[in-house]
Amino acid sequence: MQSGFLISLKSNKPSNKKTYRYSLTVGNDGKKGVNGLVNFKIMQDLLLRISSTYNYSNGFRKNNYLNVDNSNKKDEVFIRAKFLFTPSKNFSLLGTVISPDFKMVDETK
């Protein structure tokens, strides 16, 4: 028996248009978050798009089995940078760098 999976992350390519966007989130259970992106031209043939997300929640959920009240805690940062290099109309190079930092609570303690 074979099993497999694929995770596909799709995001917008960098563009010539300067773009700046952000959003803030607050909610129950100490939820707070910041999302943002910037898109700009570094030089004539090189474009850059950076997006980032920060999410935090104190995870207040009572887990009687483990005797903890933070079993759903989140403290995560995700940053993605995409570069588009187009030196000619017949050639382009697209590169992506992803930096995730997902901190979840250790439910065994």
N, C-alpha and C. Protein backbone atom coordinates (compact mmCIF):
# COMPACT_ATOMS: atom_id res chain seq x y z
N MET A 1 0.84 -1.18 0.00
CA MET A 1 0.00 0.00 0.00
C MET A 1 0.88 1.24 0.00
N GLN A 2 0.57 2.15 -0.87
CA GLN A 2 1.30 3.41 -0.94
C GLN A 2 0.43 4.54 -0.42
N SER A 3 1.09 5.47 0.20
CA SER A 3 0.38 6.69 0.58
C SER A 3 1.32 7.86 0.34
N GLY A 4 0.74 8.96 0.07
CA GLY A 4 1.53 10.15 -0.19
C GLY A 4 0.65 11.38 -0.05
N PHE A 5 1.29 12.49 -0.02
CA PHE A 5 0.53 13.73 0.06
C PHE A 5 1.34 14.85 -0.58
N LEU A 6 0.65 15.91 -0.87
CA LEU A 6 1.27 17.08 -1.47
C LEU A 6 0.70 18.31 -0.80
N ILE A 7 1.55 19.20 -0.40
CA ILE A 7 1.12 20.49 0.12
C ILE A 7 1.53 21.53 -0.90
N SER A 8 0.58 22.28 -1.37
CA SER A 8 0.85 23.30 -2.39
C SER A 8 0.49 24.67 -1.82
N LEU A 9 1.46 25.55 -1.77
CA LEU A 9 1.22 26.93 -1.34
C LEU A 9 1.28 27.81 -2.57
N LYS A 10 0.19 28.49 -2.85
CA LYS A 10 0.13 29.34 -4.03
C LYS A 10 0.01 30.78 -3.57
N SER A 11 0.81 31.64 -4.15
CA SER A 11 0.76 33.05 -3.80
C SER A 11 1.00 33.89 -5.05
N ASN A 12 0.68 35.15 -4.95
CA ASN A 12 0.84 36.05 -6.08
C ASN A 12 2.31 36.30 -6.38
N LYS A 13 2.59 36.49 -7.65
CA LYS A 13 3.94 36.86 -8.08
C LYS A 13 4.17 38.34 -7.79
N PRO A 14 5.41 38.74 -7.67
CA PRO A 14 5.71 40.17 -7.57
C PRO A 14 5.24 40.88 -8.85
N SER A 15 4.85 42.13 -8.70
CA SER A 15 4.40 42.90 -9.87
C SER A 15 5.08 44.27 -9.87
N ASN A 16 4.93 44.98 -10.98
CA ASN A 16 5.50 46.32 -11.12
C ASN A 16 4.79 47.35 -10.25
N LYS A 17 3.59 47.03 -9.79
CA LYS A 17 2.80 47.99 -9.02
C LYS A 17 3.24 47.99 -7.55
N LYS A 18 3.56 49.19 -7.03
CA LYS A 18 3.89 49.31 -5.60
C LYS A 18 2.63 49.00 -4.79
N THR A 19 2.76 48.09 -3.85
CA THR A 19 1.62 47.70 -3.02
C THR A 19 2.08 47.60 -1.58
N TYR A 20 1.29 48.16 -0.67
CA TYR A 20 1.52 48.05 0.76
C TYR A 20 0.17 47.74 1.39
N ARG A 21 0.11 46.70 2.19
CA ARG A 21 -1.17 46.32 2.80
C ARG A 21 -0.90 45.68 4.15
N TYR A 22 -1.80 45.91 5.11
CA TYR A 22 -1.68 45.25 6.41
C TYR A 22 -3.05 45.12 7.03
N SER A 23 -3.17 44.23 8.00
CA SER A 23 -4.40 44.09 8.77
C SER A 23 -4.05 43.67 10.19
N LEU A 24 -4.90 44.05 11.11
CA LEU A 24 -4.74 43.70 12.52
C LEU A 24 -5.93 42.86 12.95
N THR A 25 -5.71 41.90 13.84
CA THR A 25 -6.78 41.04 14.33
C THR A 25 -6.72 40.98 15.85
N VAL A 26 -7.87 41.09 16.50
CA VAL A 26 -7.98 40.85 17.94
C VAL A 26 -9.24 40.02 18.16
N GLY A 27 -9.22 39.21 19.21
CA GLY A 27 -10.39 38.37 19.47
C GLY A 27 -10.33 37.71 20.83
N ASN A 28 -11.21 36.75 21.02
CA ASN A 28 -11.29 36.00 22.28
C ASN A 28 -10.03 35.17 22.49
N ASP A 29 -9.85 34.72 23.72
CA ASP A 29 -8.72 33.85 24.11
C ASP A 29 -7.37 34.52 23.85
N GLY A 30 -7.30 35.84 24.01
CA GLY A 30 -6.05 36.55 23.81
C GLY A 30 -5.59 36.59 22.37
N LYS A 31 -6.51 36.37 21.44
CA LYS A 31 -6.13 36.33 20.02
C LYS A 31 -5.70 37.70 19.54
N LYS A 32 -4.54 37.72 18.89
CA LYS A 32 -4.07 38.93 18.23
C LYS A 32 -3.23 38.52 17.03
N GLY A 33 -3.25 39.35 16.04
CA GLY A 33 -2.49 39.02 14.84
C GLY A 33 -2.24 40.23 13.97
N VAL A 34 -1.20 40.12 13.17
CA VAL A 34 -0.83 41.16 12.22
C VAL A 34 -0.47 40.46 10.91
N ASN A 35 -1.01 40.95 9.82
CA ASN A 35 -0.69 40.43 8.49
C ASN A 35 -0.28 41.62 7.63
N GLY A 36 0.65 41.40 6.73
CA GLY A 36 1.04 42.49 5.86
C GLY A 36 1.79 42.01 4.63
N LEU A 37 1.87 42.91 3.67
CA LEU A 37 2.66 42.62 2.48
C LEU A 37 3.16 43.92 1.88
N VAL A 38 4.29 43.81 1.22
CA VAL A 38 4.86 44.90 0.43
C VAL A 38 5.28 44.31 -0.90
N ASN A 39 5.09 45.08 -1.94
CA ASN A 39 5.45 44.66 -3.29
C ASN A 39 6.08 45.87 -3.97
N PHE A 40 7.31 45.71 -4.48
CA PHE A 40 7.95 46.85 -5.12
C PHE A 40 9.05 46.39 -6.07
N LYS A 41 9.50 47.33 -6.88
CA LYS A 41 10.58 47.08 -7.83
C LYS A 41 11.90 47.44 -7.16
N ILE A 42 12.85 46.48 -7.12
CA ILE A 42 14.18 46.73 -6.58
C ILE A 42 15.03 47.47 -7.61
N MET A 43 14.99 46.98 -8.83
CA MET A 43 15.65 47.63 -9.96
C MET A 43 14.89 47.26 -11.23
N GLN A 44 15.34 47.70 -12.37
CA GLN A 44 14.60 47.56 -13.62
C GLN A 44 14.02 46.17 -13.85
N ASP A 45 14.80 45.12 -13.68
CA ASP A 45 14.35 43.76 -14.01
C ASP A 45 14.11 42.87 -12.79
N LEU A 46 14.14 43.46 -11.59
CA LEU A 46 14.02 42.65 -10.38
C LEU A 46 12.91 43.19 -9.48
N LEU A 47 11.91 42.34 -9.23
CA LEU A 47 10.77 42.70 -8.40
C LEU A 47 10.78 41.86 -7.13
N LEU A 48 10.21 42.41 -6.06
CA LEU A 48 10.17 41.72 -4.77
C LEU A 48 8.79 41.87 -4.14
N ARG A 49 8.30 40.77 -3.58
CA ARG A 49 7.04 40.77 -2.83
C ARG A 49 7.29 40.03 -1.52
N ILE A 50 7.06 40.69 -0.40
CA ILE A 50 7.24 40.09 0.92
C ILE A 50 5.90 40.10 1.64
N SER A 51 5.51 38.96 2.16
CA SER A 51 4.29 38.89 2.96
C SER A 51 4.62 38.21 4.29
N SER A 52 3.91 38.62 5.33
CA SER A 52 4.18 38.03 6.64
C SER A 52 2.89 37.97 7.46
N THR A 53 2.89 37.05 8.41
CA THR A 53 1.75 36.84 9.29
C THR A 53 2.27 36.53 10.69
N TYR A 54 1.64 37.14 11.68
CA TYR A 54 1.91 36.79 13.08
C TYR A 54 0.56 36.50 13.73
N ASN A 55 0.43 35.35 14.40
CA ASN A 55 -0.79 34.98 15.10
C ASN A 55 -0.45 34.50 16.50
N TYR A 56 -1.23 34.97 17.47
CA TYR A 56 -1.07 34.52 18.85
C TYR A 56 -2.44 34.28 19.45
N SER A 57 -2.55 33.23 20.23
CA SER A 57 -3.75 32.94 21.01
C SER A 57 -3.30 32.21 22.27
N ASN A 58 -3.85 32.59 23.42
CA ASN A 58 -3.41 31.95 24.67
C ASN A 58 -3.91 30.51 24.77
N GLY A 59 -4.80 30.12 23.88
CA GLY A 59 -5.20 28.72 23.80
C GLY A 59 -6.11 28.25 24.91
N PHE A 60 -6.82 29.16 25.52
CA PHE A 60 -7.65 28.78 26.66
C PHE A 60 -8.69 27.73 26.24
N ARG A 61 -8.36 26.51 26.51
CA ARG A 61 -9.26 25.37 26.32
C ARG A 61 -8.93 24.40 27.44
N LYS A 62 -9.87 24.05 28.24
CA LYS A 62 -9.61 23.13 29.35
C LYS A 62 -9.52 21.71 28.81
N ASN A 63 -8.37 21.09 29.03
CA ASN A 63 -8.14 19.70 28.65
C ASN A 63 -8.04 18.91 29.95
N ASN A 64 -9.14 18.26 30.33
CA ASN A 64 -9.18 17.53 31.61
C ASN A 64 -8.22 16.35 31.64
N TYR A 65 -8.03 15.69 30.53
CA TYR A 65 -7.15 14.53 30.48
C TYR A 65 -5.70 14.91 30.80
N LEU A 66 -5.23 16.01 30.20
CA LEU A 66 -3.85 16.46 30.44
C LEU A 66 -3.75 17.47 31.58
N ASN A 67 -4.90 17.92 32.08
CA ASN A 67 -4.97 18.91 33.15
C ASN A 67 -4.21 20.19 32.78
N VAL A 68 -4.49 20.70 31.58
CA VAL A 68 -3.92 21.97 31.12
C VAL A 68 -5.05 22.85 30.60
N ASP A 69 -4.80 24.15 30.58
CA ASP A 69 -5.82 25.06 30.05
C ASP A 69 -5.28 25.89 28.88
N ASN A 70 -4.24 25.40 28.23
CA ASN A 70 -3.70 26.12 27.08
C ASN A 70 -3.38 25.16 25.92
N SER A 71 -4.17 24.11 25.78
CA SER A 71 -3.86 23.07 24.80
C SER A 71 -4.12 23.51 23.36
N ASN A 72 -4.62 24.70 23.17
CA ASN A 72 -4.85 25.20 21.81
C ASN A 72 -4.03 26.46 21.55
N LYS A 73 -2.95 26.65 22.32
CA LYS A 73 -2.14 27.86 22.21
C LYS A 73 -1.43 27.94 20.87
N LYS A 74 -1.37 29.16 20.32
CA LYS A 74 -0.65 29.41 19.07
C LYS A 74 0.24 30.63 19.26
N ASP A 75 1.43 30.54 18.73
CA ASP A 75 2.35 31.67 18.70
C ASP A 75 3.19 31.45 17.45
N GLU A 76 2.74 31.98 16.33
CA GLU A 76 3.34 31.62 15.05
C GLU A 76 3.65 32.83 14.18
N VAL A 77 4.74 32.69 13.44
CA VAL A 77 5.19 33.71 12.49
C VAL A 77 5.46 33.00 11.16
N PHE A 78 5.01 33.61 10.08
CA PHE A 78 5.24 33.05 8.75
C PHE A 78 5.65 34.19 7.83
N ILE A 79 6.80 34.05 7.18
CA ILE A 79 7.30 35.09 6.27
C ILE A 79 7.62 34.44 4.93
N ARG A 80 7.18 35.11 3.86
CA ARG A 80 7.48 34.61 2.51
C ARG A 80 7.99 35.77 1.67
N ALA A 81 9.06 35.54 0.94
CA ALA A 81 9.61 36.54 0.01
C ALA A 81 9.68 35.90 -1.37
N LYS A 82 9.19 36.62 -2.36
CA LYS A 82 9.25 36.14 -3.75
C LYS A 82 10.01 37.17 -4.58
N PHE A 83 10.94 36.67 -5.36
CA PHE A 83 11.73 37.51 -6.26
C PHE A 83 11.38 37.12 -7.69
N LEU A 84 11.23 38.11 -8.55
CA LEU A 84 11.01 37.85 -9.98
C LEU A 84 12.05 38.64 -10.76
N PHE A 85 12.91 37.90 -11.45
CA PHE A 85 13.96 38.49 -12.27
C PHE A 85 13.61 38.23 -13.72
N THR A 86 13.45 39.30 -14.51
CA THR A 86 13.06 39.19 -15.91
C THR A 86 14.00 40.03 -16.77
N PRO A 87 15.17 39.48 -17.11
CA PRO A 87 16.13 40.26 -17.89
C PRO A 87 15.75 40.40 -19.37
N SER A 88 14.86 39.54 -19.86
CA SER A 88 14.39 39.64 -21.25
C SER A 88 12.97 39.11 -21.33
N LYS A 89 12.32 39.34 -22.48
CA LYS A 89 10.94 38.86 -22.61
C LYS A 89 10.88 37.34 -22.79
N ASN A 90 12.00 36.69 -23.07
CA ASN A 90 12.04 35.24 -23.26
C ASN A 90 12.56 34.47 -22.05
N PHE A 91 12.96 35.18 -21.00
CA PHE A 91 13.52 34.50 -19.84
C PHE A 91 13.09 35.21 -18.56
N SER A 92 12.65 34.42 -17.59
CA SER A 92 12.37 34.97 -16.26
C SER A 92 12.70 33.91 -15.22
N LEU A 93 13.02 34.38 -14.04
CA LEU A 93 13.38 33.50 -12.94
C LEU A 93 12.58 33.93 -11.72
N LEU A 94 11.81 32.99 -11.16
CA LEU A 94 10.98 33.27 -10.00
C LEU A 94 11.50 32.43 -8.83
N GLY A 95 11.81 33.07 -7.73
CA GLY A 95 12.31 32.37 -6.54
C GLY A 95 11.48 32.71 -5.32
N THR A 96 11.30 31.74 -4.45
CA THR A 96 10.53 31.93 -3.23
C THR A 96 11.33 31.45 -2.03
N VAL A 97 11.32 32.25 -0.97
CA VAL A 97 11.94 31.88 0.30
C VAL A 97 10.84 31.92 1.35
N ILE A 98 10.70 30.83 2.11
CA ILE A 98 9.66 30.74 3.15
C ILE A 98 10.33 30.48 4.49
N SER A 99 9.89 31.24 5.50
CA SER A 99 10.42 31.06 6.85
C SER A 99 9.26 30.91 7.83
N PRO A 100 8.90 29.68 8.18
CA PRO A 100 7.84 29.48 9.17
C PRO A 100 8.42 29.33 10.57
N ASP A 101 7.70 29.79 11.57
CA ASP A 101 8.08 29.61 12.97
C ASP A 101 6.79 29.36 13.75
N PHE A 102 6.40 28.11 13.85
CA PHE A 102 5.16 27.74 14.52
C PHE A 102 5.48 27.17 15.88
N LYS A 103 5.08 27.88 16.93
CA LYS A 103 5.32 27.41 18.30
C LYS A 103 3.99 26.94 18.87
N MET A 104 3.92 25.68 19.14
CA MET A 104 2.71 25.12 19.75
C MET A 104 3.07 24.67 21.17
N VAL A 105 2.09 24.64 22.02
CA VAL A 105 2.32 24.26 23.41
C VAL A 105 2.66 22.77 23.49
N ASP A 106 3.53 22.40 24.40
CA ASP A 106 3.85 21.00 24.65
C ASP A 106 2.81 20.47 25.63
N GLU A 107 1.87 19.69 25.13
CA GLU A 107 0.75 19.23 25.94
C GLU A 107 1.14 18.14 26.93
N THR A 108 2.34 17.63 26.87
CA THR A 108 2.73 16.54 27.77
C THR A 108 3.28 17.06 29.09
N LYS A 109 3.48 18.36 29.22
CA LYS A 109 4.04 18.91 30.46
C LYS A 109 2.95 19.41 31.36
